[in-house]
Amino acid sequence: MALSQMMAHYLSVKEKHKDCVVFYRLGDFYEMFFDDAVKVSKLLDLTLTGRDCGLAERAPMCGIPYHAADVYIAKLVALGEKVAICDQISDPKASKGLVERDVVRIVSAGTLTEETMLDESRNNYIACVFKFEDGVAVSWADITTGEFLTE
């Protein structure tokens, strides 16, 4: 048996983003497959199902509605996960065959900027360290409060 075209594409995306949970857009849902599905179903208490994928066994799968993605992404990031959002980048109505998809964003603790995902009661720092011949420069910013410091 051979993988379906869609599942082959998913696996190529996952290969490029091994350190992330891949949210793969299928219609009105972001789906996770294989190990990501098993992990996310446990972390977020989602139902683990399966999908025919062209292999002898069904691929483990779980999903979330795309309009609620921010809530689930925030929970995963709070649990230490990185999320690669693989979205539809071509119009499904105009597409013949597989809808074109690609990773449009990677969300991690250091890249959260949406107010809906930030905890207002905690600082959210991002930092940069630059080493040069005579020393080191350090800058950091709290994107929650706007505080910015350099030394």
N, C-alpha and C. Protein backbone atom coordinates (compact mmCIF):
# COMPACT_ATOMS: atom_id res chain seq x y z
N MET A 1 0.84 -1.19 0.00
CA MET A 1 0.00 0.00 0.00
C MET A 1 0.88 1.25 0.00
N ALA A 2 0.38 2.30 -0.58
CA ALA A 2 1.10 3.57 -0.65
C ALA A 2 0.33 4.63 0.13
N LEU A 3 1.08 5.58 0.66
CA LEU A 3 0.45 6.69 1.38
C LEU A 3 -0.41 7.50 0.44
N SER A 4 -1.50 8.03 0.97
CA SER A 4 -2.32 8.96 0.20
C SER A 4 -1.50 10.22 -0.06
N GLN A 5 -1.88 10.97 -1.07
CA GLN A 5 -1.18 12.20 -1.43
C GLN A 5 -1.18 13.19 -0.25
N MET A 6 -2.33 13.32 0.40
CA MET A 6 -2.44 14.24 1.54
C MET A 6 -1.53 13.81 2.68
N MET A 7 -1.51 12.52 2.99
CA MET A 7 -0.69 12.05 4.11
C MET A 7 0.79 12.15 3.77
N ALA A 8 1.17 11.92 2.51
CA ALA A 8 2.57 12.10 2.11
C ALA A 8 2.99 13.55 2.31
N HIS A 9 2.09 14.49 1.98
CA HIS A 9 2.41 15.90 2.19
C HIS A 9 2.54 16.21 3.68
N TYR A 10 1.60 15.70 4.48
CA TYR A 10 1.68 15.91 5.93
C TYR A 10 3.05 15.43 6.46
N LEU A 11 3.46 14.24 6.06
CA LEU A 11 4.72 13.68 6.54
C LEU A 11 5.91 14.50 6.09
N SER A 12 5.85 15.10 4.90
CA SER A 12 6.95 15.96 4.45
C SER A 12 7.01 17.23 5.31
N VAL A 13 5.84 17.76 5.69
CA VAL A 13 5.81 18.92 6.58
C VAL A 13 6.36 18.53 7.95
N LYS A 14 5.94 17.40 8.48
CA LYS A 14 6.39 16.95 9.79
C LYS A 14 7.90 16.72 9.79
N GLU A 15 8.44 16.20 8.70
CA GLU A 15 9.89 15.97 8.60
C GLU A 15 10.67 17.27 8.76
N LYS A 16 10.13 18.36 8.24
CA LYS A 16 10.79 19.67 8.33
C LYS A 16 10.61 20.31 9.71
N HIS A 17 9.62 19.85 10.46
CA HIS A 17 9.28 20.46 11.76
C HIS A 17 9.15 19.38 12.83
N LYS A 18 10.21 18.59 12.97
CA LYS A 18 10.19 17.45 13.89
C LYS A 18 9.98 17.86 15.34
N ASP A 19 10.43 19.07 15.70
CA ASP A 19 10.35 19.51 17.09
C ASP A 19 9.03 20.19 17.42
N CYS A 20 8.10 20.18 16.48
CA CYS A 20 6.81 20.86 16.67
C CYS A 20 5.65 19.88 16.58
N VAL A 21 4.56 20.25 17.21
CA VAL A 21 3.28 19.61 16.94
C VAL A 21 2.75 20.30 15.69
N VAL A 22 2.43 19.52 14.66
CA VAL A 22 1.94 20.11 13.41
C VAL A 22 0.42 20.15 13.43
N PHE A 23 -0.14 21.37 13.32
CA PHE A 23 -1.57 21.58 13.14
C PHE A 23 -1.79 21.65 11.63
N TYR A 24 -2.39 20.62 11.06
CA TYR A 24 -2.55 20.49 9.62
C TYR A 24 -4.00 20.80 9.26
N ARG A 25 -4.21 21.87 8.51
CA ARG A 25 -5.58 22.33 8.21
C ARG A 25 -6.25 21.44 7.18
N LEU A 26 -7.38 20.89 7.58
CA LEU A 26 -8.24 20.13 6.68
C LEU A 26 -9.65 20.70 6.83
N GLY A 27 -10.06 21.53 5.89
CA GLY A 27 -11.39 22.14 5.97
C GLY A 27 -11.53 23.04 7.18
N ASP A 28 -12.50 22.74 8.03
CA ASP A 28 -12.78 23.57 9.21
C ASP A 28 -12.02 23.11 10.46
N PHE A 29 -11.05 22.20 10.30
CA PHE A 29 -10.33 21.66 11.45
C PHE A 29 -8.82 21.70 11.22
N TYR A 30 -8.10 21.78 12.34
CA TYR A 30 -6.67 21.48 12.34
C TYR A 30 -6.56 20.06 12.87
N GLU A 31 -5.91 19.21 12.11
CA GLU A 31 -5.75 17.81 12.49
C GLU A 31 -4.30 17.54 12.85
N MET A 32 -4.12 16.62 13.78
CA MET A 32 -2.80 16.11 14.13
C MET A 32 -2.82 14.62 13.87
N PHE A 33 -1.67 14.08 13.43
CA PHE A 33 -1.60 12.67 13.06
C PHE A 33 -0.43 11.98 13.75
N PHE A 34 -0.50 10.66 13.76
CA PHE A 34 0.55 9.78 14.28
C PHE A 34 0.96 10.19 15.69
N ASP A 35 2.28 10.33 15.97
CA ASP A 35 2.74 10.61 17.33
C ASP A 35 2.19 11.93 17.88
N ASP A 36 2.07 12.95 17.00
CA ASP A 36 1.50 14.22 17.45
C ASP A 36 0.08 14.03 17.97
N ALA A 37 -0.70 13.23 17.26
CA ALA A 37 -2.09 12.99 17.67
C ALA A 37 -2.14 12.29 19.02
N VAL A 38 -1.30 11.29 19.19
CA VAL A 38 -1.29 10.55 20.46
C VAL A 38 -0.90 11.48 21.61
N LYS A 39 0.17 12.27 21.40
CA LYS A 39 0.63 13.19 22.44
C LYS A 39 -0.42 14.25 22.77
N VAL A 40 -0.96 14.91 21.75
CA VAL A 40 -1.91 15.99 21.98
C VAL A 40 -3.22 15.47 22.58
N SER A 41 -3.64 14.30 22.16
CA SER A 41 -4.88 13.76 22.73
C SER A 41 -4.73 13.55 24.23
N LYS A 42 -3.53 13.14 24.67
CA LYS A 42 -3.28 12.96 26.11
C LYS A 42 -3.14 14.30 26.82
N LEU A 43 -2.37 15.22 26.22
CA LEU A 43 -2.13 16.51 26.87
C LEU A 43 -3.40 17.34 27.03
N LEU A 44 -4.27 17.30 26.02
CA LEU A 44 -5.45 18.16 26.01
C LEU A 44 -6.75 17.41 26.21
N ASP A 45 -6.65 16.13 26.50
CA ASP A 45 -7.83 15.29 26.72
C ASP A 45 -8.79 15.34 25.53
N LEU A 46 -8.22 15.13 24.33
CA LEU A 46 -9.00 15.07 23.10
C LEU A 46 -9.23 13.62 22.70
N THR A 47 -10.29 13.37 21.98
CA THR A 47 -10.57 12.02 21.51
C THR A 47 -9.59 11.64 20.41
N LEU A 48 -8.97 10.49 20.56
CA LEU A 48 -8.05 9.96 19.56
C LEU A 48 -8.85 9.06 18.63
N THR A 49 -8.81 9.39 17.35
CA THR A 49 -9.51 8.58 16.34
C THR A 49 -8.47 8.09 15.34
N GLY A 50 -8.90 7.76 14.16
CA GLY A 50 -7.99 7.31 13.13
C GLY A 50 -8.47 7.73 11.76
N ARG A 51 -7.56 7.69 10.80
CA ARG A 51 -7.88 8.09 9.42
C ARG A 51 -7.20 7.13 8.47
N ASP A 52 -7.92 6.70 7.45
CA ASP A 52 -7.29 5.91 6.40
C ASP A 52 -6.23 6.78 5.73
N CYS A 53 -5.04 6.24 5.59
CA CYS A 53 -3.94 7.05 5.07
C CYS A 53 -3.19 6.34 3.94
N GLY A 54 -3.66 5.18 3.54
CA GLY A 54 -2.98 4.43 2.49
C GLY A 54 -2.09 3.34 3.03
N LEU A 55 -1.95 3.26 4.34
CA LEU A 55 -1.15 2.21 4.97
C LEU A 55 -2.10 1.10 5.45
N ALA A 56 -1.52 0.00 5.87
CA ALA A 56 -2.32 -1.13 6.34
C ALA A 56 -3.15 -0.75 7.57
N GLU A 57 -2.59 0.09 8.44
CA GLU A 57 -3.31 0.53 9.63
C GLU A 57 -3.70 1.99 9.51
N ARG A 58 -4.79 2.35 10.14
CA ARG A 58 -5.23 3.74 10.15
C ARG A 58 -4.24 4.60 10.93
N ALA A 59 -4.08 5.84 10.50
CA ALA A 59 -3.19 6.78 11.19
C ALA A 59 -3.92 7.32 12.41
N PRO A 60 -3.29 7.30 13.60
CA PRO A 60 -3.91 7.96 14.76
C PRO A 60 -4.14 9.43 14.42
N MET A 61 -5.27 9.97 14.84
CA MET A 61 -5.65 11.33 14.49
C MET A 61 -6.46 11.95 15.61
N CYS A 62 -6.27 13.25 15.83
CA CYS A 62 -7.17 14.04 16.65
C CYS A 62 -7.22 15.43 16.04
N GLY A 63 -8.27 16.16 16.33
CA GLY A 63 -8.41 17.46 15.70
C GLY A 63 -9.15 18.45 16.57
N ILE A 64 -9.03 19.71 16.15
CA ILE A 64 -9.71 20.80 16.83
C ILE A 64 -10.31 21.74 15.78
N PRO A 65 -11.41 22.42 16.08
CA PRO A 65 -11.96 23.39 15.13
C PRO A 65 -10.96 24.53 14.90
N TYR A 66 -10.79 24.93 13.65
CA TYR A 66 -9.79 25.96 13.35
C TYR A 66 -10.08 27.28 14.06
N HIS A 67 -11.36 27.61 14.27
CA HIS A 67 -11.69 28.89 14.91
C HIS A 67 -11.35 28.89 16.41
N ALA A 68 -11.06 27.73 16.99
CA ALA A 68 -10.70 27.65 18.40
C ALA A 68 -9.20 27.36 18.59
N ALA A 69 -8.44 27.46 17.52
CA ALA A 69 -7.03 27.07 17.57
C ALA A 69 -6.22 27.83 18.62
N ASP A 70 -6.48 29.12 18.79
CA ASP A 70 -5.69 29.91 19.75
C ASP A 70 -5.75 29.33 21.16
N VAL A 71 -6.91 28.87 21.55
CA VAL A 71 -7.07 28.30 22.89
C VAL A 71 -6.19 27.05 23.05
N TYR A 72 -6.22 26.17 22.06
CA TYR A 72 -5.45 24.93 22.13
C TYR A 72 -3.95 25.19 21.99
N ILE A 73 -3.59 26.13 21.13
CA ILE A 73 -2.17 26.48 20.97
C ILE A 73 -1.62 27.04 22.27
N ALA A 74 -2.37 27.93 22.92
CA ALA A 74 -1.93 28.51 24.19
C ALA A 74 -1.71 27.41 25.24
N LYS A 75 -2.60 26.44 25.29
CA LYS A 75 -2.46 25.34 26.26
C LYS A 75 -1.21 24.52 25.95
N LEU A 76 -1.00 24.20 24.68
CA LEU A 76 0.18 23.40 24.31
C LEU A 76 1.48 24.15 24.60
N VAL A 77 1.52 25.44 24.29
CA VAL A 77 2.72 26.24 24.55
C VAL A 77 2.97 26.32 26.06
N ALA A 78 1.92 26.47 26.85
CA ALA A 78 2.06 26.49 28.31
C ALA A 78 2.61 25.17 28.83
N LEU A 79 2.39 24.09 28.09
CA LEU A 79 2.91 22.77 28.47
C LEU A 79 4.29 22.51 27.88
N GLY A 80 4.88 23.53 27.24
CA GLY A 80 6.24 23.41 26.72
C GLY A 80 6.36 22.95 25.28
N GLU A 81 5.25 22.89 24.56
CA GLU A 81 5.27 22.44 23.16
C GLU A 81 5.43 23.63 22.21
N LYS A 82 5.96 23.34 21.02
CA LYS A 82 5.97 24.28 19.90
C LYS A 82 4.95 23.78 18.89
N VAL A 83 4.26 24.71 18.24
CA VAL A 83 3.21 24.34 17.29
C VAL A 83 3.52 24.95 15.92
N ALA A 84 3.57 24.11 14.89
CA ALA A 84 3.73 24.57 13.51
C ALA A 84 2.34 24.55 12.88
N ILE A 85 1.89 25.71 12.41
CA ILE A 85 0.56 25.82 11.82
C ILE A 85 0.70 25.68 10.31
N CYS A 86 0.19 24.58 9.80
CA CYS A 86 0.22 24.29 8.36
C CYS A 86 -1.17 24.60 7.82
N ASP A 87 -1.27 25.72 7.13
CA ASP A 87 -2.58 26.20 6.70
C ASP A 87 -2.76 26.06 5.20
N GLN A 88 -3.99 26.19 4.76
CA GLN A 88 -4.31 26.17 3.34
C GLN A 88 -3.89 27.51 2.76
N ILE A 89 -3.04 27.48 1.72
CA ILE A 89 -2.56 28.72 1.13
C ILE A 89 -3.12 28.94 -0.28
N SER A 90 -3.96 28.02 -0.72
CA SER A 90 -4.68 28.23 -1.98
C SER A 90 -6.17 28.09 -1.70
N ASP A 91 -6.96 28.66 -2.56
CA ASP A 91 -8.41 28.63 -2.40
C ASP A 91 -8.93 27.22 -2.68
N PRO A 92 -9.54 26.57 -1.69
CA PRO A 92 -10.06 25.22 -1.92
C PRO A 92 -11.05 25.13 -3.08
N LYS A 93 -11.84 26.20 -3.29
CA LYS A 93 -12.82 26.18 -4.37
C LYS A 93 -12.16 26.25 -5.74
N ALA A 94 -10.99 26.88 -5.81
CA ALA A 94 -10.30 27.03 -7.09
C ALA A 94 -9.27 25.92 -7.32
N SER A 95 -9.02 25.11 -6.31
CA SER A 95 -7.99 24.08 -6.40
C SER A 95 -8.52 22.84 -7.10
N LYS A 96 -7.68 22.29 -7.94
CA LYS A 96 -7.97 20.99 -8.54
C LYS A 96 -7.02 20.01 -7.88
N GLY A 97 -7.56 18.98 -7.27
CA GLY A 97 -6.72 18.05 -6.54
C GLY A 97 -6.47 18.55 -5.13
N LEU A 98 -5.30 18.25 -4.61
CA LEU A 98 -4.94 18.60 -3.24
C LEU A 98 -4.81 20.12 -3.07
N VAL A 99 -5.45 20.66 -2.03
CA VAL A 99 -5.32 22.08 -1.70
C VAL A 99 -3.89 22.33 -1.25
N GLU A 100 -3.29 23.40 -1.75
CA GLU A 100 -1.91 23.71 -1.39
C GLU A 100 -1.85 24.16 0.07
N ARG A 101 -0.88 23.62 0.81
CA ARG A 101 -0.71 23.94 2.23
C ARG A 101 0.77 24.15 2.53
N ASP A 102 1.02 24.99 3.53
CA ASP A 102 2.39 25.18 3.99
C ASP A 102 2.36 25.74 5.41
N VAL A 103 3.48 25.61 6.10
CA VAL A 103 3.58 26.16 7.46
C VAL A 103 3.64 27.67 7.34
N VAL A 104 2.69 28.32 7.98
CA VAL A 104 2.60 29.77 7.93
C VAL A 104 3.11 30.43 9.21
N ARG A 105 3.27 29.62 10.25
CA ARG A 105 3.73 30.18 11.52
C ARG A 105 4.15 29.06 12.46
N ILE A 106 5.17 29.34 13.25
CA ILE A 106 5.56 28.45 14.34
C ILE A 106 5.37 29.23 15.63
N VAL A 107 4.62 28.65 16.55
CA VAL A 107 4.31 29.32 17.81
C VAL A 107 5.04 28.60 18.94
N SER A 108 5.78 29.38 19.71
CA SER A 108 6.48 28.85 20.89
C SER A 108 6.35 29.88 22.01
N ALA A 109 6.84 29.55 23.16
CA ALA A 109 6.72 30.46 24.30
C ALA A 109 7.35 31.82 24.00
N GLY A 110 8.41 31.84 23.22
CA GLY A 110 9.09 33.09 22.90
C GLY A 110 8.47 33.89 21.77
N THR A 111 7.47 33.33 21.10
CA THR A 111 6.88 34.05 19.97
C THR A 111 5.43 34.43 20.18
N LEU A 112 4.89 34.16 21.35
CA LEU A 112 3.50 34.52 21.62
C LEU A 112 3.36 36.04 21.67
N THR A 113 2.44 36.57 20.89
CA THR A 113 2.17 38.00 20.93
C THR A 113 0.68 38.31 21.04
N GLU A 114 -0.16 37.33 20.78
CA GLU A 114 -1.60 37.54 20.83
C GLU A 114 -2.07 37.70 22.27
N GLU A 115 -2.84 38.74 22.50
CA GLU A 115 -3.35 38.98 23.85
C GLU A 115 -4.15 37.81 24.38
N THR A 116 -4.85 37.11 23.48
CA THR A 116 -5.67 35.97 23.91
C THR A 116 -4.83 34.80 24.39
N MET A 117 -3.55 34.77 24.03
CA MET A 117 -2.68 33.66 24.43
C MET A 117 -1.75 34.01 25.58
N LEU A 118 -1.63 35.30 25.89
CA LEU A 118 -0.72 35.72 26.95
C LEU A 118 -1.41 35.75 28.30
N ASP A 119 -0.67 35.38 29.33
CA ASP A 119 -1.16 35.47 30.70
C ASP A 119 -0.77 36.86 31.21
N GLU A 120 -1.76 37.72 31.41
CA GLU A 120 -1.50 39.10 31.82
C GLU A 120 -0.85 39.20 33.19
N SER A 121 -0.93 38.16 33.99
CA SER A 121 -0.36 38.22 35.34
C SER A 121 1.11 37.81 35.37
N ARG A 122 1.65 37.42 34.22
CA ARG A 122 3.06 36.97 34.17
C ARG A 122 3.80 37.74 33.10
N ASN A 123 5.09 37.95 33.35
CA ASN A 123 5.95 38.54 32.34
C ASN A 123 6.21 37.53 31.23
N ASN A 124 6.42 38.04 30.03
CA ASN A 124 6.72 37.19 28.89
C ASN A 124 7.92 37.80 28.18
N TYR A 125 9.11 37.33 28.56
CA TYR A 125 10.35 37.90 28.07
C TYR A 125 10.85 37.21 26.81
N ILE A 126 11.48 38.01 25.98
CA ILE A 126 12.27 37.50 24.87
C ILE A 126 13.62 38.18 25.00
N ALA A 127 14.70 37.42 24.75
CA ALA A 127 16.04 37.95 24.98
C ALA A 127 16.93 37.67 23.78
N CYS A 128 18.00 38.48 23.69
CA CYS A 128 19.00 38.31 22.66
C CYS A 128 20.37 38.54 23.30
N VAL A 129 21.32 37.67 22.98
CA VAL A 129 22.69 37.82 23.45
C VAL A 129 23.58 37.90 22.22
N PHE A 130 24.46 38.92 22.20
CA PHE A 130 25.38 39.09 21.08
C PHE A 130 26.80 39.11 21.65
N LYS A 131 27.63 38.20 21.16
CA LYS A 131 29.03 38.15 21.59
C LYS A 131 29.88 38.81 20.53
N PHE A 132 30.72 39.74 20.97
CA PHE A 132 31.65 40.37 20.05
C PHE A 132 33.04 40.27 20.65
N GLU A 133 34.04 40.78 19.97
CA GLU A 133 35.44 40.58 20.35
C GLU A 133 35.75 40.98 21.78
N ASP A 134 35.22 42.11 22.24
CA ASP A 134 35.57 42.63 23.56
C ASP A 134 34.54 42.36 24.65
N GLY A 135 33.50 41.63 24.35
CA GLY A 135 32.50 41.40 25.38
C GLY A 135 31.21 40.83 24.85
N VAL A 136 30.17 41.10 25.63
CA VAL A 136 28.85 40.56 25.32
C VAL A 136 27.82 41.66 25.52
N ALA A 137 26.82 41.67 24.63
CA ALA A 137 25.69 42.59 24.78
C ALA A 137 24.44 41.74 24.99
N VAL A 138 23.59 42.19 25.89
CA VAL A 138 22.36 41.47 26.19
C VAL A 138 21.20 42.46 26.11
N SER A 139 20.14 42.05 25.44
CA SER A 139 18.91 42.85 25.38
C SER A 139 17.75 41.93 25.71
N TRP A 140 16.75 42.48 26.37
CA TRP A 140 15.55 41.70 26.61
C TRP A 140 14.35 42.63 26.66
N ALA A 141 13.23 42.05 26.31
CA ALA A 141 11.99 42.81 26.30
C ALA A 141 10.89 41.95 26.89
N ASP A 142 9.99 42.62 27.58
CA ASP A 142 8.79 41.96 28.10
C ASP A 142 7.65 42.38 27.18
N ILE A 143 7.18 41.46 26.34
CA ILE A 143 6.15 41.84 25.38
C ILE A 143 4.78 42.02 26.04
N THR A 144 4.67 41.65 27.30
CA THR A 144 3.42 41.87 28.03
C THR A 144 3.31 43.32 28.47
N THR A 145 4.42 43.90 28.97
CA THR A 145 4.40 45.26 29.49
C THR A 145 5.06 46.28 28.58
N GLY A 146 5.88 45.83 27.63
CA GLY A 146 6.59 46.74 26.74
C GLY A 146 7.94 47.17 27.28
N GLU A 147 8.32 46.69 28.46
CA GLU A 147 9.62 47.03 29.04
C GLU A 147 10.73 46.50 28.15
N PHE A 148 11.78 47.33 27.90
CA PHE A 148 12.91 46.93 27.06
C PHE A 148 14.20 47.36 27.74
N LEU A 149 15.14 46.45 27.90
CA LEU A 149 16.41 46.74 28.56
C LEU A 149 17.58 46.23 27.73
N THR A 150 18.70 46.94 27.81
CA THR A 150 19.93 46.53 27.11
C THR A 150 21.11 46.76 28.04
N GLU A 151 22.03 45.82 28.04
CA GLU A 151 23.27 45.97 28.82
C GLU A 151 24.43 45.54 27.99
